[in-house]
Every structure is written in C-alpha cells, then in structure tokens.
C-alpha atoms as a PDB file:
ATOM      1  CA  UNK A   1      17.372  -2.475   6.007  1.00  0.00           C
ATOM      2  CA  UNK A   2      13.781  -1.454   6.665  1.00  0.00           C
ATOM      3  CA  UNK A   3      11.300  -3.902   8.125  1.00  0.00           C
ATOM      4  CA  UNK A   4       7.670  -3.586   7.071  1.00  0.00           C
ATOM      5  CA  UNK A   5       4.548  -5.127   8.579  1.00  0.00           C
ATOM      6  CA  UNK A   6       1.142  -4.762   6.935  1.00  0.00           C
ATOM      7  CA  UNK A   7      -2.196  -5.128   8.680  1.00  0.00           C
ATOM      8  CA  UNK A   8      -5.855  -4.362   8.130  1.00  0.00           C
ATOM      9  CA  UNK A   9      -6.761  -6.814   5.407  1.00  0.00           C
ATOM     10  CA  UNK A  10      -9.930  -8.835   5.474  1.00  0.00           C
ATOM     11  CA  UNK A  11     -13.131  -9.673   3.656  1.00  0.00           C
ATOM     12  CA  UNK A  12     -15.648  -7.053   2.628  1.00  0.00           C
ATOM     13  CA  UNK A  13     -18.598  -6.802   0.280  1.00  0.00           C
ATOM     14  CA  UNK A  14     -18.423  -4.818  -2.919  1.00  0.00           C
ATOM     15  CA  UNK A  15     -18.899  -1.134  -2.244  1.00  0.00           C
ATOM     16  CA  UNK A  16     -17.381  -1.410   1.203  1.00  0.00           C
ATOM     17  CA  UNK A  17     -14.205   0.017   2.673  1.00  0.00           C
ATOM     18  CA  UNK A  18     -11.012  -1.174   4.303  1.00  0.00           C
ATOM     19  CA  UNK A  19      -7.992   0.629   5.691  1.00  0.00           C
ATOM     20  CA  UNK A  20      -4.591  -0.998   5.383  1.00  0.00           C
ATOM     21  CA  UNK A  21      -1.680  -0.024   7.606  1.00  0.00           C
ATOM     22  CA  UNK A  22       2.034  -0.560   7.165  1.00  0.00           C
ATOM     23  CA  UNK A  23       4.472  -0.114  10.043  1.00  0.00           C
ATOM     24  CA  UNK A  24       8.106   0.609   9.191  1.00  0.00           C
ATOM     25  CA  UNK A  25      11.074   0.024  11.477  1.00  0.00           C
ATOM     26  CA  UNK A  26      14.847  -0.123  11.209  1.00  0.00           C
ATOM     27  CA  UNK A  27      16.659   2.292   8.873  1.00  0.00           C
ATOM     28  CA  UNK A  28      13.589   4.469   8.284  1.00  0.00           C
ATOM     29  CA  UNK A  29      15.804   7.515   7.651  1.00  0.00           C
ATOM     30  CA  UNK A  30      16.650   5.933   4.292  1.00  0.00           C
ATOM     31  CA  UNK A  31      13.041   5.998   3.053  1.00  0.00           C
ATOM     32  CA  UNK A  32      12.303   8.331   0.147  1.00  0.00           C
ATOM     33  CA  UNK A  33       8.892   6.932  -0.682  1.00  0.00           C
ATOM     34  CA  UNK A  34       6.533   4.164   0.354  1.00  0.00           C
ATOM     35  CA  UNK A  35       4.282   2.331  -2.003  1.00  0.00           C
ATOM     36  CA  UNK A  36       1.437  -0.137  -2.026  1.00  0.00           C
ATOM     37  CA  UNK A  37       1.320  -2.978  -4.519  1.00  0.00           C
ATOM     38  CA  UNK A  38      -1.058  -5.884  -4.990  1.00  0.00           C
ATOM     39  CA  UNK A  39      -1.001  -9.330  -6.510  1.00  0.00           C
ATOM     40  CA  UNK A  40      -4.079 -11.318  -7.451  1.00  0.00           C
ATOM     41  CA  UNK A  41      -3.913 -15.098  -7.974  1.00  0.00           C
ATOM     42  CA  UNK A  42      -2.239 -15.915 -11.257  1.00  0.00           C
ATOM     43  CA  UNK A  43      -1.421 -12.262 -11.916  1.00  0.00           C
ATOM     44  CA  UNK A  44       1.767 -10.234 -11.767  1.00  0.00           C
ATOM     45  CA  UNK A  45       2.244  -7.826  -8.888  1.00  0.00           C
ATOM     46  CA  UNK A  46       0.989  -4.367  -9.810  1.00  0.00           C
ATOM     47  CA  UNK A  47       1.528  -0.871  -8.489  1.00  0.00           C
ATOM     48  CA  UNK A  48      -1.358   0.674  -6.546  1.00  0.00           C
ATOM     49  CA  UNK A  49      -0.156   3.934  -4.981  1.00  0.00           C
ATOM     50  CA  UNK A  50       2.893   5.670  -3.554  1.00  0.00           C
ATOM     51  CA  UNK A  51       3.646   8.623  -1.290  1.00  0.00           C
ATOM     52  CA  UNK A  52       6.912  10.465  -0.769  1.00  0.00           C
ATOM     53  CA  UNK A  53       8.102  10.363   2.796  1.00  0.00           C
ATOM     54  CA  UNK A  54       9.022  14.014   3.288  1.00  0.00           C
ATOM     55  CA  UNK A  55       6.657  15.955   1.030  1.00  0.00           C
ATOM     56  CA  UNK A  56       3.703  13.610   1.070  1.00  0.00           C
ATOM     57  CA  UNK A  57       3.244  13.735  -2.690  1.00  0.00           C
ATOM     58  CA  UNK A  58       0.888  10.941  -3.759  1.00  0.00           C
ATOM     59  CA  UNK A  59       0.489   9.067  -7.021  1.00  0.00           C
ATOM     60  CA  UNK A  60      -2.086   6.420  -7.945  1.00  0.00           C
ATOM     61  CA  UNK A  61      -2.711   3.742 -10.509  1.00  0.00           C
ATOM     62  CA  UNK A  62      -5.606   4.630 -12.780  1.00  0.00           C
ATOM     63  CA  UNK A  63      -7.527   1.586 -11.566  1.00  0.00           C
ATOM     64  CA  UNK A  64      -7.786   2.962  -8.018  1.00  0.00           C
ATOM     65  CA  UNK A  65      -7.731   6.720  -8.571  1.00  0.00           C
ATOM     66  CA  UNK A  66     -10.649   8.390  -6.822  1.00  0.00           C
ATOM     67  CA  UNK A  67     -11.348   5.327  -4.658  1.00  0.00           C
ATOM     68  CA  UNK A  68      -8.098   4.773  -2.718  1.00  0.00           C
ATOM     69  CA  UNK A  69      -6.176   7.293  -0.622  1.00  0.00           C
ATOM     70  CA  UNK A  70      -2.597   6.844   0.549  1.00  0.00           C
ATOM     71  CA  UNK A  71      -1.263   8.761   3.531  1.00  0.00           C
ATOM     72  CA  UNK A  72       1.666   8.619   5.911  1.00  0.00           C
ATOM     73  CA  UNK A  73       2.457   9.515   9.498  1.00  0.00           C
ATOM     74  CA  UNK A  74       6.170  10.230   9.698  1.00  0.00           C
ATOM     75  CA  UNK A  75       6.180  10.478  13.498  1.00  0.00           C
ATOM     76  CA  UNK A  76       4.807   6.942  13.772  1.00  0.00           C
ATOM     77  CA  UNK A  77       6.631   5.537  10.726  1.00  0.00           C
ATOM     78  CA  UNK A  78       3.309   4.422   9.308  1.00  0.00           C
ATOM     79  CA  UNK A  79       1.722   4.479   5.881  1.00  0.00           C
ATOM     80  CA  UNK A  80      -1.962   3.848   5.245  1.00  0.00           C
ATOM     81  CA  UNK A  81      -4.150   2.905   2.319  1.00  0.00           C
ATOM     82  CA  UNK A  82      -7.794   3.871   2.674  1.00  0.00           C
ATOM     83  CA  UNK A  83      -9.776   1.804   0.181  1.00  0.00           C
ATOM     84  CA  UNK A  84     -13.360   2.871  -0.570  1.00  0.00           C
ATOM     85  CA  UNK A  85     -15.919   1.680  -3.112  1.00  0.00           C
ATOM     86  CA  UNK A  86     -14.162  -1.669  -3.264  1.00  0.00           C
ATOM     87  CA  UNK A  87     -14.759  -3.946  -6.228  1.00  0.00           C
ATOM     88  CA  UNK A  88     -14.300  -7.713  -6.587  1.00  0.00           C
ATOM     89  CA  UNK A  89     -11.356  -7.010  -8.903  1.00  0.00           C
ATOM     90  CA  UNK A  90      -9.556  -5.354  -5.982  1.00  0.00           C
ATOM     91  CA  UNK A  91      -9.181  -8.805  -4.411  1.00  0.00           C
ATOM     92  CA  UNK A  92      -5.475  -9.479  -3.958  1.00  0.00           C
ATOM     93  CA  UNK A  93      -2.640  -9.699  -1.493  1.00  0.00           C
ATOM     94  CA  UNK A  94      -1.530  -6.147  -0.749  1.00  0.00           C
ATOM     95  CA  UNK A  95       2.114  -5.336  -0.033  1.00  0.00           C
ATOM     96  CA  UNK A  96       3.835  -2.200   1.167  1.00  0.00           C
ATOM     97  CA  UNK A  97       7.361  -1.400   0.050  1.00  0.00           C
ATOM     98  CA  UNK A  98       9.990   1.311   0.370  1.00  0.00           C
ATOM     99  CA  UNK A  99      12.159   3.131  -2.148  1.00  0.00           C
ATOM    100  CA  UNK A 100      15.367   5.002  -1.338  1.00  0.00           C
ATOM    101  CA  UNK A 101      15.245   7.656  -4.048  1.00  0.00           C
ATOM    102  CA  UNK A 102      13.157   9.124  -6.858  1.00  0.00           C
ATOM    103  CA  UNK A 103      13.919   6.226  -9.164  1.00  0.00           C
ATOM    104  CA  UNK A 104      11.223   4.466  -7.113  1.00  0.00           C
ATOM    105  CA  UNK A 105      13.038   1.140  -7.105  1.00  0.00           C
ATOM    106  CA  UNK A 106      11.437  -0.696  -4.229  1.00  0.00           C
ATOM    107  CA  UNK A 107      13.873  -2.825  -2.256  1.00  0.00           C
ATOM    108  CA  UNK A 108      12.131  -3.543   1.042  1.00  0.00           C
ATOM    109  CA  UNK A 109       8.852  -5.434   1.132  1.00  0.00           C
ATOM    110  CA  UNK A 110       6.372  -6.517   3.741  1.00  0.00           C
ATOM    111  CA  UNK A 111       4.821  -9.967   3.967  1.00  0.00           C
ATOM    112  CA  UNK A 112       1.480  -8.869   2.548  1.00  0.00           C
ATOM    113  CA  UNK A 113      -2.107  -8.782   3.766  1.00  0.00           C
ATOM    114  CA  UNK A 114      -5.064 -10.425   2.028  1.00  0.00           C
ATOM    115  CA  UNK A 115      -7.997  -8.325   0.819  1.00  0.00           C
ATOM    116  CA  UNK A 116     -11.052 -10.168  -0.476  1.00  0.00           C
ATOM    117  CA  UNK A 117     -14.007  -8.323  -1.964  1.00  0.00           C
ATOM    118  CA  UNK A 118     -17.160 -10.357  -2.534  1.00  0.00           C
ATOM    119  CA  UNK A 119     -19.839  -9.461  -5.053  1.00  0.00           C
END
C-alpha cells in the first residue's frame, strides 16, 4: 500500500499559477508511475497528467498541455504539478494516484486538494 497526501491547493485568479505537491509513503518501491486527476462538481474524474517514476516520462491531457508541468523527486518521494495560465474551467478537486505498471491502472489515491480559479 502507498499512502498519498496532496497539498498546495487554493484560490487564484484566472491567469495565475499554483503548484500542487503529493507526498508518497509506504511501499513506494512498487510505484511505476504517478498521476494527477481532477474532478469538478457534477463531473466525472478526469486524467490530467502522469510521470513515470524511474524515467520521468511525462504525458498530459490536451486540456492542460503547455500550461501544466508534472515532475517528480524520487529521493523525496514527491510528485509536483506546476499549473500556469489557470482558467476557471481548471476549478476542481485535484488528486494524485499511483500505478504499479505500464497498464496505468491507478490503485492508490490521495484525499484531494481543492483548486478554485476565479474569473
């Protein structure tokens, strides 16, 4: 089991930036990739970005490509999501999650952190 704790959410005006952090603990040796997801009120949870734990290969949803950057610090068991040029439609609860292999089936989830972007 991997435990995940997100932080860094908050309220920002459109065009602003936020940096989310996710701290992993427990069986971190089992992590193949870490991802960020988000869920807006009344919407299904959607994929935002992912990064492989060893190689650092990143992949983004089209809706955030060019605005968000995912990174990881293996030594600290941390993953980050730098969010720039934020839009009101980015408002959601953001979750980090882990996958154990390249099927990218996420089976450990954090509790989420709220991001609110005002217009």
